[in-house]
Amino acid sequence: MADTTRFTVTLPTEQVAELRKLTDNVSGYVAEAVARQLRHQLLGADLLRHQEEHGDFTEEELAEARSGIFGTTGTGGSASAA
């Protein structure tokens, strides 16, 4: 089991009510959400660094990435999913 630190956060009452409907393990749920957000931000930073070093991604590279993520070969997908 990973080391843990206990601390307090403040959330809007409505969010807490909805959260408790979703899970009995609020700490686990929040930990997963934080981990997902951290991965998202780190990936974004890595992608930006790659583009700064190698130039913008080509349409072909973007299409290949979308295909790998969404399992499609079409280019009509939304780029906002990242």
N, C-alpha and C. Protein backbone atom coordinates (compact mmCIF):
# COMPACT_ATOMS: atom_id res chain seq x y z
N MET A 1 0.84 -1.19 0.00
CA MET A 1 0.00 0.00 0.00
C MET A 1 0.88 1.24 0.00
N ALA A 2 0.51 2.23 -0.77
CA ALA A 2 1.28 3.46 -0.88
C ALA A 2 1.16 4.28 0.40
N ASP A 3 2.21 5.05 0.67
CA ASP A 3 2.14 5.97 1.80
C ASP A 3 1.03 6.97 1.56
N THR A 4 0.39 7.40 2.63
CA THR A 4 -0.70 8.37 2.50
C THR A 4 -0.49 9.50 3.49
N THR A 5 -1.08 10.64 3.18
CA THR A 5 -1.09 11.80 4.05
C THR A 5 -2.53 12.26 4.18
N ARG A 6 -2.95 12.50 5.38
CA ARG A 6 -4.31 12.96 5.61
C ARG A 6 -4.33 14.48 5.60
N PHE A 7 -5.25 15.05 4.81
CA PHE A 7 -5.46 16.49 4.85
C PHE A 7 -6.90 16.78 4.50
N THR A 8 -7.33 18.00 4.74
CA THR A 8 -8.72 18.39 4.57
C THR A 8 -8.88 19.23 3.31
N VAL A 9 -9.95 18.95 2.58
CA VAL A 9 -10.31 19.78 1.44
C VAL A 9 -11.74 20.28 1.64
N THR A 10 -12.04 21.40 1.02
CA THR A 10 -13.38 21.97 1.09
C THR A 10 -14.01 21.88 -0.29
N LEU A 11 -15.20 21.30 -0.34
CA LEU A 11 -15.94 21.14 -1.60
C LEU A 11 -17.34 21.71 -1.42
N PRO A 12 -17.95 22.14 -2.51
CA PRO A 12 -19.34 22.59 -2.43
C PRO A 12 -20.24 21.44 -1.93
N THR A 13 -21.20 21.76 -1.12
CA THR A 13 -22.09 20.77 -0.52
C THR A 13 -22.75 19.90 -1.57
N GLU A 14 -23.15 20.49 -2.70
CA GLU A 14 -23.81 19.72 -3.76
C GLU A 14 -22.87 18.67 -4.34
N GLN A 15 -21.60 19.02 -4.49
CA GLN A 15 -20.64 18.06 -5.02
C GLN A 15 -20.43 16.90 -4.04
N VAL A 16 -20.39 17.20 -2.77
CA VAL A 16 -20.21 16.16 -1.77
C VAL A 16 -21.40 15.21 -1.78
N ALA A 17 -22.59 15.75 -1.90
CA ALA A 17 -23.79 14.91 -1.94
C ALA A 17 -23.76 13.98 -3.15
N GLU A 18 -23.39 14.49 -4.31
CA GLU A 18 -23.31 13.66 -5.51
C GLU A 18 -22.19 12.65 -5.40
N LEU A 19 -21.09 13.05 -4.83
CA LEU A 19 -19.95 12.15 -4.65
C LEU A 19 -20.32 10.97 -3.76
N ARG A 20 -21.05 11.23 -2.70
CA ARG A 20 -21.45 10.15 -1.79
C ARG A 20 -22.46 9.20 -2.43
N LYS A 21 -23.18 9.68 -3.45
CA LYS A 21 -24.07 8.79 -4.20
C LYS A 21 -23.27 7.83 -5.07
N LEU A 22 -22.08 8.27 -5.50
CA LEU A 22 -21.26 7.48 -6.41
C LEU A 22 -20.38 6.45 -5.72
N THR A 23 -19.95 6.75 -4.49
CA THR A 23 -18.97 5.87 -3.86
C THR A 23 -19.03 5.94 -2.35
N ASP A 24 -18.65 4.84 -1.73
CA ASP A 24 -18.47 4.81 -0.28
C ASP A 24 -17.03 5.15 0.08
N ASN A 25 -16.14 5.11 -0.92
CA ASN A 25 -14.73 5.37 -0.71
C ASN A 25 -14.37 6.72 -1.32
N VAL A 26 -14.72 7.78 -0.61
CA VAL A 26 -14.48 9.13 -1.12
C VAL A 26 -12.99 9.38 -1.31
N SER A 27 -12.18 8.96 -0.36
CA SER A 27 -10.73 9.17 -0.48
C SER A 27 -10.18 8.50 -1.72
N GLY A 28 -10.57 7.27 -1.98
CA GLY A 28 -10.11 6.56 -3.17
C GLY A 28 -10.57 7.23 -4.44
N TYR A 29 -11.81 7.68 -4.45
CA TYR A 29 -12.36 8.34 -5.62
C TYR A 29 -11.59 9.63 -5.92
N VAL A 30 -11.35 10.42 -4.88
CA VAL A 30 -10.63 11.68 -5.05
C VAL A 30 -9.18 11.41 -5.46
N ALA A 31 -8.55 10.39 -4.86
CA ALA A 31 -7.18 10.05 -5.23
C ALA A 31 -7.09 9.67 -6.70
N GLU A 32 -8.05 8.91 -7.21
CA GLU A 32 -8.06 8.54 -8.63
C GLU A 32 -8.25 9.77 -9.51
N ALA A 33 -9.13 10.68 -9.10
CA ALA A 33 -9.37 11.89 -9.88
C ALA A 33 -8.12 12.77 -9.92
N VAL A 34 -7.43 12.89 -8.80
CA VAL A 34 -6.21 13.68 -8.75
C VAL A 34 -5.12 13.03 -9.61
N ALA A 35 -4.98 11.72 -9.52
CA ALA A 35 -3.98 11.01 -10.33
C ALA A 35 -4.27 11.21 -11.82
N ARG A 36 -5.53 11.14 -12.22
CA ARG A 36 -5.91 11.33 -13.62
C ARG A 36 -5.56 12.75 -14.07
N GLN A 37 -5.84 13.75 -13.25
CA GLN A 37 -5.54 15.13 -13.60
C GLN A 37 -4.04 15.36 -13.69
N LEU A 38 -3.28 14.78 -12.78
CA LEU A 38 -1.82 14.90 -12.83
C LEU A 38 -1.27 14.29 -14.11
N ARG A 39 -1.76 13.09 -14.48
CA ARG A 39 -1.32 12.45 -15.73
C ARG A 39 -1.65 13.34 -16.92
N HIS A 40 -2.83 13.92 -16.92
CA HIS A 40 -3.27 14.80 -18.01
C HIS A 40 -2.32 15.99 -18.14
N GLN A 41 -2.00 16.62 -17.01
CA GLN A 41 -1.12 17.78 -17.06
C GLN A 41 0.30 17.41 -17.47
N LEU A 42 0.80 16.29 -16.97
CA LEU A 42 2.15 15.85 -17.34
C LEU A 42 2.22 15.49 -18.82
N LEU A 43 1.20 14.81 -19.32
CA LEU A 43 1.17 14.47 -20.74
C LEU A 43 1.12 15.73 -21.59
N GLY A 44 0.31 16.69 -21.19
CA GLY A 44 0.23 17.95 -21.93
C GLY A 44 1.58 18.65 -21.99
N ALA A 45 2.29 18.66 -20.86
CA ALA A 45 3.62 19.28 -20.82
C ALA A 45 4.59 18.53 -21.72
N ASP A 46 4.53 17.20 -21.70
CA ASP A 46 5.40 16.40 -22.58
C ASP A 46 5.10 16.66 -24.05
N LEU A 47 3.83 16.74 -24.41
CA LEU A 47 3.47 17.00 -25.80
C LEU A 47 3.92 18.38 -26.25
N LEU A 48 3.76 19.37 -25.38
CA LEU A 48 4.21 20.72 -25.70
C LEU A 48 5.73 20.75 -25.89
N ARG A 49 6.47 20.08 -25.00
CA ARG A 49 7.93 20.03 -25.10
C ARG A 49 8.35 19.34 -26.41
N HIS A 50 7.65 18.26 -26.76
CA HIS A 50 7.96 17.56 -28.02
C HIS A 50 7.78 18.49 -29.21
N GLN A 51 6.68 19.23 -29.22
CA GLN A 51 6.42 20.14 -30.35
C GLN A 51 7.43 21.27 -30.39
N GLU A 52 7.86 21.74 -29.24
CA GLU A 52 8.87 22.80 -29.22
C GLU A 52 10.19 22.29 -29.80
N GLU A 53 10.51 21.03 -29.58
CA GLU A 53 11.76 20.46 -30.07
C GLU A 53 11.67 20.00 -31.51
N HIS A 54 10.49 19.49 -31.94
CA HIS A 54 10.37 18.83 -33.24
C HIS A 54 9.36 19.48 -34.18
N GLY A 55 8.72 20.53 -33.75
CA GLY A 55 7.71 21.19 -34.58
C GLY A 55 6.32 20.62 -34.32
N ASP A 56 5.33 21.30 -34.89
CA ASP A 56 3.95 20.88 -34.70
C ASP A 56 3.71 19.48 -35.24
N PHE A 57 2.76 18.80 -34.64
CA PHE A 57 2.37 17.48 -35.13
C PHE A 57 1.71 17.62 -36.49
N THR A 58 1.97 16.68 -37.37
CA THR A 58 1.33 16.68 -38.69
C THR A 58 -0.08 16.12 -38.55
N GLU A 59 -0.88 16.36 -39.57
CA GLU A 59 -2.24 15.79 -39.57
C GLU A 59 -2.19 14.27 -39.52
N GLU A 60 -1.21 13.68 -40.17
CA GLU A 60 -1.06 12.22 -40.16
C GLU A 60 -0.75 11.72 -38.75
N GLU A 61 0.14 12.41 -38.06
CA GLU A 61 0.48 12.02 -36.68
C GLU A 61 -0.73 12.15 -35.77
N LEU A 62 -1.48 13.23 -35.94
CA LEU A 62 -2.68 13.42 -35.12
C LEU A 62 -3.72 12.34 -35.41
N ALA A 63 -3.89 12.00 -36.69
CA ALA A 63 -4.85 10.95 -37.06
C ALA A 63 -4.44 9.61 -36.46
N GLU A 64 -3.14 9.32 -36.49
CA GLU A 64 -2.65 8.07 -35.91
C GLU A 64 -2.88 8.04 -34.40
N ALA A 65 -2.65 9.17 -33.75
CA ALA A 65 -2.86 9.24 -32.31
C ALA A 65 -4.35 9.04 -31.98
N ARG A 66 -5.22 9.71 -32.73
CA ARG A 66 -6.66 9.55 -32.50
C ARG A 66 -7.09 8.10 -32.70
N SER A 67 -6.53 7.47 -33.74
CA SER A 67 -6.85 6.08 -34.00
C SER A 67 -6.42 5.19 -32.84
N GLY A 68 -5.24 5.45 -32.31
CA GLY A 68 -4.77 4.66 -31.18
C GLY A 68 -5.58 4.88 -29.93
N ILE A 69 -6.06 6.11 -29.73
CA ILE A 69 -6.84 6.42 -28.53
C ILE A 69 -8.29 5.96 -28.67
N PHE A 70 -8.90 6.30 -29.81
CA PHE A 70 -10.32 6.06 -29.98
C PHE A 70 -10.65 4.83 -30.81
N GLY A 71 -9.63 4.24 -31.43
CA GLY A 71 -9.86 3.04 -32.23
C GLY A 71 -10.53 3.32 -33.55
N THR A 72 -10.38 4.53 -34.06
CA THR A 72 -10.99 4.89 -35.34
C THR A 72 -9.90 5.39 -36.28
N THR A 73 -10.22 5.40 -37.56
CA THR A 73 -9.26 5.91 -38.55
C THR A 73 -9.73 7.21 -39.15
N GLY A 74 -10.93 7.66 -38.79
CA GLY A 74 -11.45 8.91 -39.34
C GLY A 74 -10.76 10.10 -38.72
N THR A 75 -10.76 11.24 -39.45
CA THR A 75 -10.16 12.45 -38.95
C THR A 75 -11.21 13.43 -38.47
N GLY A 76 -12.46 13.02 -38.41
CA GLY A 76 -13.53 13.93 -38.02
C GLY A 76 -13.73 14.02 -36.53
N GLY A 77 -12.89 13.36 -35.74
CA GLY A 77 -13.04 13.37 -34.29
C GLY A 77 -12.69 14.70 -33.69
N SER A 78 -13.12 14.90 -32.47
CA SER A 78 -12.87 16.14 -31.76
C SER A 78 -11.48 16.12 -31.16
N ALA A 79 -10.75 17.20 -31.32
CA ALA A 79 -9.42 17.31 -30.75
C ALA A 79 -9.47 17.70 -29.29
N SER A 80 -10.66 18.03 -28.76
CA SER A 80 -10.76 18.48 -27.37
C SER A 80 -10.75 17.35 -26.37
N ALA A 81 -10.70 16.11 -26.81
CA ALA A 81 -10.73 14.97 -25.89
C ALA A 81 -9.44 14.84 -25.10
N ALA A 82 -8.35 15.42 -25.54
CA ALA A 82 -7.08 15.35 -24.81
C ALA A 82 -7.16 16.24 -23.65
